[in-house]
Amino acid sequence: MKILFRRFLQDTNGVAALEYGIQAALIAVAIIPSVTFLGQQLSSTFRKVSSSIAVANTQS
């Protein structure tokens, strides 16, 4: 049992996976607000274009 516990403490195979998981979480935390902001800006731009087209259609 003592040998098994010692091997468990020395095993580092799961550490890399944990590090990759943490990195992925940090990247997601950075990407989500950026995409939200970009979506809001695109929505605003499309609203402006749509209203400009509507005004142009009523003037012709």
PDB file of N, CA and C in Angstrom:
ATOM      1  N   MET A   1       0.820  -1.188   0.000  1.00  0.00           N
ATOM      2  CA  MET A   1       0.000   0.000   0.000  1.00  0.00           C
ATOM      3  C   MET A   1       0.872   1.263   0.000  1.00  0.00           C
ATOM      4  N   LYS A   2       1.944   1.184   0.751  1.00  0.00           N
ATOM      5  CA  LYS A   2       2.855   2.323   0.847  1.00  0.00           C
ATOM      6  C   LYS A   2       3.493   2.614  -0.513  1.00  0.00           C
ATOM      7  N   ILE A   3       3.814   1.582  -1.258  1.00  0.00           N
ATOM      8  CA  ILE A   3       4.412   1.741  -2.583  1.00  0.00           C
ATOM      9  C   ILE A   3       3.407   2.385  -3.541  1.00  0.00           C
ATOM     10  N   LEU A   4       2.168   1.947  -3.475  1.00  0.00           N
ATOM     11  CA  LEU A   4       1.117   2.525  -4.327  1.00  0.00           C
ATOM     12  C   LEU A   4       0.944   4.009  -4.049  1.00  0.00           C
ATOM     13  N   PHE A   5       0.932   4.385  -2.779  1.00  0.00           N
ATOM     14  CA  PHE A   5       0.766   5.787  -2.412  1.00  0.00           C
ATOM     15  C   PHE A   5       1.949   6.616  -2.901  1.00  0.00           C
ATOM     16  N   ARG A   6       3.150   6.072  -2.785  1.00  0.00           N
ATOM     17  CA  ARG A   6       4.354   6.770  -3.247  1.00  0.00           C
ATOM     18  C   ARG A   6       4.295   6.972  -4.764  1.00  0.00           C
ATOM     19  N   ARG A   7       3.861   5.944  -5.496  1.00  0.00           N
ATOM     20  CA  ARG A   7       3.726   6.070  -6.957  1.00  0.00           C
ATOM     21  C   ARG A   7       2.683   7.134  -7.307  1.00  0.00           C
ATOM     22  N   PHE A   8       1.603   7.150  -6.552  1.00  0.00           N
ATOM     23  CA  PHE A   8       0.548   8.138  -6.797  1.00  0.00           C
ATOM     24  C   PHE A   8       1.077   9.556  -6.622  1.00  0.00           C
ATOM     25  N   LEU A   9       1.863   9.782  -5.600  1.00  0.00           N
ATOM     26  CA  LEU A   9       2.419  11.110  -5.351  1.00  0.00           C
ATOM     27  C   LEU A   9       3.433  11.518  -6.413  1.00  0.00           C
ATOM     28  N   GLN A  10       4.141  10.561  -6.989  1.00  0.00           N
ATOM     29  CA  GLN A  10       5.157  10.858  -7.985  1.00  0.00           C
ATOM     30  C   GLN A  10       4.590  10.929  -9.400  1.00  0.00           C
ATOM     31  N   ASP A  11       3.376  10.464  -9.595  1.00  0.00           N
ATOM     32  CA  ASP A  11       2.767  10.453 -10.927  1.00  0.00           C
ATOM     33  C   ASP A  11       2.406  11.869 -11.354  1.00  0.00           C
ATOM     34  N   THR A  12       2.889  12.290 -12.526  1.00  0.00           N
ATOM     35  CA  THR A  12       2.616  13.651 -13.015  1.00  0.00           C
ATOM     36  C   THR A  12       1.846  13.654 -14.328  1.00  0.00           C
ATOM     37  N   ASN A  13       1.247  12.537 -14.699  1.00  0.00           N
ATOM     38  CA  ASN A  13       0.527  12.452 -15.970  1.00  0.00           C
ATOM     39  C   ASN A  13      -0.694  13.370 -16.010  1.00  0.00           C
ATOM     40  N   GLY A  14      -1.400  13.509 -14.938  1.00  0.00           N
ATOM     41  CA  GLY A  14      -2.601  14.334 -14.929  1.00  0.00           C
ATOM     42  C   GLY A  14      -2.320  15.824 -14.827  1.00  0.00           C
ATOM     43  N   VAL A  15      -1.117  16.198 -14.462  1.00  0.00           N
ATOM     44  CA  VAL A  15      -0.772  17.604 -14.275  1.00  0.00           C
ATOM     45  C   VAL A  15      -0.866  18.366 -15.594  1.00  0.00           C
ATOM     46  N   ALA A  16      -0.392  17.784 -16.674  1.00  0.00           N
ATOM     47  CA  ALA A  16      -0.430  18.462 -17.970  1.00  0.00           C
ATOM     48  C   ALA A  16      -1.872  18.697 -18.405  1.00  0.00           C
ATOM     49  N   ALA A  17      -2.716  17.700 -18.204  1.00  0.00           N
ATOM     50  CA  ALA A  17      -4.126  17.853 -18.571  1.00  0.00           C
ATOM     51  C   ALA A  17      -4.775  18.962 -17.742  1.00  0.00           C
ATOM     52  N   LEU A  18      -4.443  19.030 -16.488  1.00  0.00           N
ATOM     53  CA  LEU A  18      -4.984  20.086 -15.626  1.00  0.00           C
ATOM     54  C   LEU A  18      -4.508  21.452 -16.087  1.00  0.00           C
ATOM     55  N   GLU A  19      -3.243  21.559 -16.447  1.00  0.00           N
ATOM     56  CA  GLU A  19      -2.714  22.834 -16.933  1.00  0.00           C
ATOM     57  C   GLU A  19      -3.409  23.259 -18.217  1.00  0.00           C
ATOM     58  N   TYR A  20      -3.622  22.305 -19.129  1.00  0.00           N
ATOM     59  CA  TYR A  20      -4.324  22.626 -20.373  1.00  0.00           C
ATOM     60  C   TYR A  20      -5.757  23.056 -20.093  1.00  0.00           C
ATOM     61  N   GLY A  21      -6.383  22.436 -19.126  1.00  0.00           N
ATOM     62  CA  GLY A  21      -7.744  22.818 -18.753  1.00  0.00           C
ATOM     63  C   GLY A  21      -7.809  24.236 -18.209  1.00  0.00           C
ATOM     64  N   ILE A  22      -6.841  24.582 -17.383  1.00  0.00           N
ATOM     65  CA  ILE A  22      -6.790  25.934 -16.824  1.00  0.00           C
ATOM     66  C   ILE A  22      -6.535  26.954 -17.930  1.00  0.00           C
ATOM     67  N   GLN A  23      -5.632  26.629 -18.845  1.00  0.00           N
ATOM     68  CA  GLN A  23      -5.356  27.539 -19.956  1.00  0.00           C
ATOM     69  C   GLN A  23      -6.594  27.731 -20.826  1.00  0.00           C
ATOM     70  N   ALA A  24      -7.309  26.646 -21.098  1.00  0.00           N
ATOM     71  CA  ALA A  24      -8.529  26.751 -21.909  1.00  0.00           C
ATOM     72  C   ALA A  24      -9.571  27.612 -21.211  1.00  0.00           C
ATOM     73  N   ALA A  25      -9.687  27.475 -19.914  1.00  0.00           N
ATOM     74  CA  ALA A  25     -10.649  28.291 -19.158  1.00  0.00           C
ATOM     75  C   ALA A  25     -10.272  29.766 -19.207  1.00  0.00           C
ATOM     76  N   LEU A  26      -8.998  30.063 -19.072  1.00  0.00           N
ATOM     77  CA  LEU A  26      -8.557  31.462 -19.129  1.00  0.00           C
ATOM     78  C   LEU A  26      -8.778  32.063 -20.508  1.00  0.00           C
ATOM     79  N   ILE A  27      -8.538  31.273 -21.545  1.00  0.00           N
ATOM     80  CA  ILE A  27      -8.777  31.754 -22.901  1.00  0.00           C
ATOM     81  C   ILE A  27     -10.265  32.013 -23.115  1.00  0.00           C
ATOM     82  N   ALA A  28     -11.102  31.120 -22.608  1.00  0.00           N
ATOM     83  CA  ALA A  28     -12.548  31.314 -22.734  1.00  0.00           C
ATOM     84  C   ALA A  28     -13.003  32.573 -22.004  1.00  0.00           C
ATOM     85  N   VAL A  29     -12.421  32.824 -20.838  1.00  0.00           N
ATOM     86  CA  VAL A  29     -12.770  34.028 -20.078  1.00  0.00           C
ATOM     87  C   VAL A  29     -12.397  35.280 -20.869  1.00  0.00           C
ATOM     88  N   ALA A  30     -11.339  35.218 -21.645  1.00  0.00           N
ATOM     89  CA  ALA A  30     -10.936  36.367 -22.460  1.00  0.00           C
ATOM     90  C   ALA A  30     -11.778  36.485 -23.724  1.00  0.00           C
ATOM     91  N   ILE A  31     -12.161  35.368 -24.315  1.00  0.00           N
ATOM     92  CA  ILE A  31     -12.875  35.385 -25.590  1.00  0.00           C
ATOM     93  C   ILE A  31     -14.339  35.784 -25.431  1.00  0.00           C
ATOM     94  N   ILE A  32     -14.998  35.307 -24.406  1.00  0.00           N
ATOM     95  CA  ILE A  32     -16.447  35.548 -24.256  1.00  0.00           C
ATOM     96  C   ILE A  32     -16.794  37.040 -24.229  1.00  0.00           C
ATOM     97  N   PRO A  33     -16.145  37.878 -23.431  1.00  0.00           N
ATOM     98  CA  PRO A  33     -16.483  39.311 -23.473  1.00  0.00           C
ATOM     99  C   PRO A  33     -16.156  39.954 -24.827  1.00  0.00           C
ATOM    100  N   SER A  34     -15.078  39.504 -25.454  1.00  0.00           N
ATOM    101  CA  SER A  34     -14.713  40.063 -26.759  1.00  0.00           C
ATOM    102  C   SER A  34     -15.772  39.765 -27.805  1.00  0.00           C
ATOM    103  N   VAL A  35     -16.246  38.532 -27.823  1.00  0.00           N
ATOM    104  CA  VAL A  35     -17.264  38.137 -28.793  1.00  0.00           C
ATOM    105  C   VAL A  35     -18.583  38.857 -28.494  1.00  0.00           C
ATOM    106  N   THR A  36     -18.904  39.018 -27.228  1.00  0.00           N
ATOM    107  CA  THR A  36     -20.122  39.741 -26.857  1.00  0.00           C
ATOM    108  C   THR A  36     -20.050  41.185 -27.340  1.00  0.00           C
ATOM    109  N   PHE A  37     -18.925  41.835 -27.117  1.00  0.00           N
ATOM    110  CA  PHE A  37     -18.749  43.218 -27.560  1.00  0.00           C
ATOM    111  C   PHE A  37     -18.832  43.311 -29.075  1.00  0.00           C
ATOM    112  N   LEU A  38     -18.160  42.393 -29.761  1.00  0.00           N
ATOM    113  CA  LEU A  38     -18.182  42.386 -31.220  1.00  0.00           C
ATOM    114  C   LEU A  38     -19.608  42.178 -31.737  1.00  0.00           C
ATOM    115  N   GLY A  39     -20.344  41.294 -31.106  1.00  0.00           N
ATOM    116  CA  GLY A  39     -21.732  41.056 -31.502  1.00  0.00           C
ATOM    117  C   GLY A  39     -22.591  42.298 -31.345  1.00  0.00           C
ATOM    118  N   GLN A  40     -22.384  43.030 -30.268  1.00  0.00           N
ATOM    119  CA  GLN A  40     -23.145  44.257 -30.049  1.00  0.00           C
ATOM    120  C   GLN A  40     -22.806  45.293 -31.109  1.00  0.00           C
ATOM    121  N   GLN A  41     -21.535  45.404 -31.456  1.00  0.00           N
ATOM    122  CA  GLN A  41     -21.120  46.365 -32.476  1.00  0.00           C
ATOM    123  C   GLN A  41     -21.691  45.987 -33.846  1.00  0.00           C
ATOM    124  N   LEU A  42     -21.662  44.698 -34.170  1.00  0.00           N
ATOM    125  CA  LEU A  42     -22.226  44.250 -35.447  1.00  0.00           C
ATOM    126  C   LEU A  42     -23.724  44.487 -35.501  1.00  0.00           C
ATOM    127  N   SER A  43     -24.388  44.239 -34.407  1.00  0.00           N
ATOM    128  CA  SER A  43     -25.830  44.464 -34.345  1.00  0.00           C
ATOM    129  C   SER A  43     -26.151  45.938 -34.578  1.00  0.00           C
ATOM    130  N   SER A  44     -25.385  46.816 -33.950  1.00  0.00           N
ATOM    131  CA  SER A  44     -25.584  48.250 -34.136  1.00  0.00           C
ATOM    132  C   SER A  44     -25.348  48.648 -35.593  1.00  0.00           C
ATOM    133  N   THR A  45     -24.296  48.108 -36.195  1.00  0.00           N
ATOM    134  CA  THR A  45     -23.993  48.419 -37.591  1.00  0.00           C
ATOM    135  C   THR A  45     -25.107  47.950 -38.515  1.00  0.00           C
ATOM    136  N   PHE A  46     -25.595  46.732 -38.300  1.00  0.00           N
ATOM    137  CA  PHE A  46     -26.670  46.220 -39.142  1.00  0.00           C
ATOM    138  C   PHE A  46     -27.959  47.028 -38.973  1.00  0.00           C
ATOM    139  N   ARG A  47     -28.229  47.503 -37.753  1.00  0.00           N
ATOM    140  CA  ARG A  47     -29.412  48.349 -37.547  1.00  0.00           C
ATOM    141  C   ARG A  47     -29.284  49.650 -38.344  1.00  0.00           C
ATOM    142  N   LYS A  48     -28.088  50.246 -38.332  1.00  0.00           N
ATOM    143  CA  LYS A  48     -27.864  51.482 -39.089  1.00  0.00           C
ATOM    144  C   LYS A  48     -28.037  51.250 -40.584  1.00  0.00           C
ATOM    145  N   VAL A  49     -27.480  50.165 -41.082  1.00  0.00           N
ATOM    146  CA  VAL A  49     -27.606  49.843 -42.504  1.00  0.00           C
ATOM    147  C   VAL A  49     -29.070  49.600 -42.854  1.00  0.00           C
ATOM    148  N   SER A  50     -29.761  48.864 -42.018  1.00  0.00           N
ATOM    149  CA  SER A  50     -31.174  48.569 -42.268  1.00  0.00           C
ATOM    150  C   SER A  50     -32.013  49.841 -42.294  1.00  0.00           C
ATOM    151  N   SER A  51     -31.775  50.749 -41.353  1.00  0.00           N
ATOM    152  CA  SER A  51     -32.551  51.983 -41.346  1.00  0.00           C
ATOM    153  C   SER A  51     -32.189  52.860 -42.535  1.00  0.00           C
ATOM    154  N   SER A  52     -30.940  52.851 -42.973  1.00  0.00           N
ATOM    155  CA  SER A  52     -30.554  53.612 -44.152  1.00  0.00           C
ATOM    156  C   SER A  52     -31.225  53.069 -45.401  1.00  0.00           C
ATOM    157  N   ILE A  53     -31.310  51.743 -45.507  1.00  0.00           N
ATOM    158  CA  ILE A  53     -31.990  51.135 -46.651  1.00  0.00           C
ATOM    159  C   ILE A  53     -33.471  51.466 -46.624  1.00  0.00           C
ATOM    160  N   ALA A  54     -34.072  51.432 -45.443  1.00  0.00           N
ATOM    161  CA  ALA A  54     -35.497  51.748 -45.326  1.00  0.00           C
ATOM    162  C   ALA A  54     -35.753  53.197 -45.738  1.00  0.00           C
ATOM    163  N   VAL A  55     -34.894  54.124 -45.351  1.00  0.00           N
ATOM    164  CA  VAL A  55     -35.048  55.522 -45.710  1.00  0.00           C
ATOM    165  C   VAL A  55     -34.868  55.683 -47.226  1.00  0.00           C
ATOM    166  N   ALA A  56     -33.903  54.991 -47.789  1.00  0.00           N
ATOM    167  CA  ALA A  56     -33.656  55.079 -49.243  1.00  0.00           C
ATOM    168  C   ALA A  56     -34.849  54.519 -50.029  1.00  0.00           C
ATOM    169  N   ASN A  57     -35.477  53.475 -49.515  1.00  0.00           N
ATOM    170  CA  ASN A  57     -36.638  52.889 -50.195  1.00  0.00           C
ATOM    171  C   ASN A  57     -37.852  53.828 -50.156  1.00  0.00           C
ATOM    172  N   THR A  58     -37.998  54.570 -49.071  1.00  0.00           N
ATOM    173  CA  THR A  58     -39.157  55.466 -48.968  1.00  0.00           C
ATOM    174  C   THR A  58     -38.951  56.722 -49.831  1.00  0.00           C
ATOM    175  N   GLN A  59     -37.688  57.065 -50.111  1.00  0.00           N
ATOM    176  CA  GLN A  59     -37.419  58.262 -50.903  1.00  0.00           C
ATOM    177  C   GLN A  59     -37.506  57.998 -52.388  1.00  0.00           C
ATOM    178  N   SER A  60     -37.469  56.745 -52.829  1.00  0.00           N
ATOM    179  CA  SER A  60     -37.494  56.493 -54.268  1.00  0.00           C
ATOM    180  C   SER A  60     -38.879  56.328 -54.807  1.00  0.00           C
TER     181      SER A  60
END
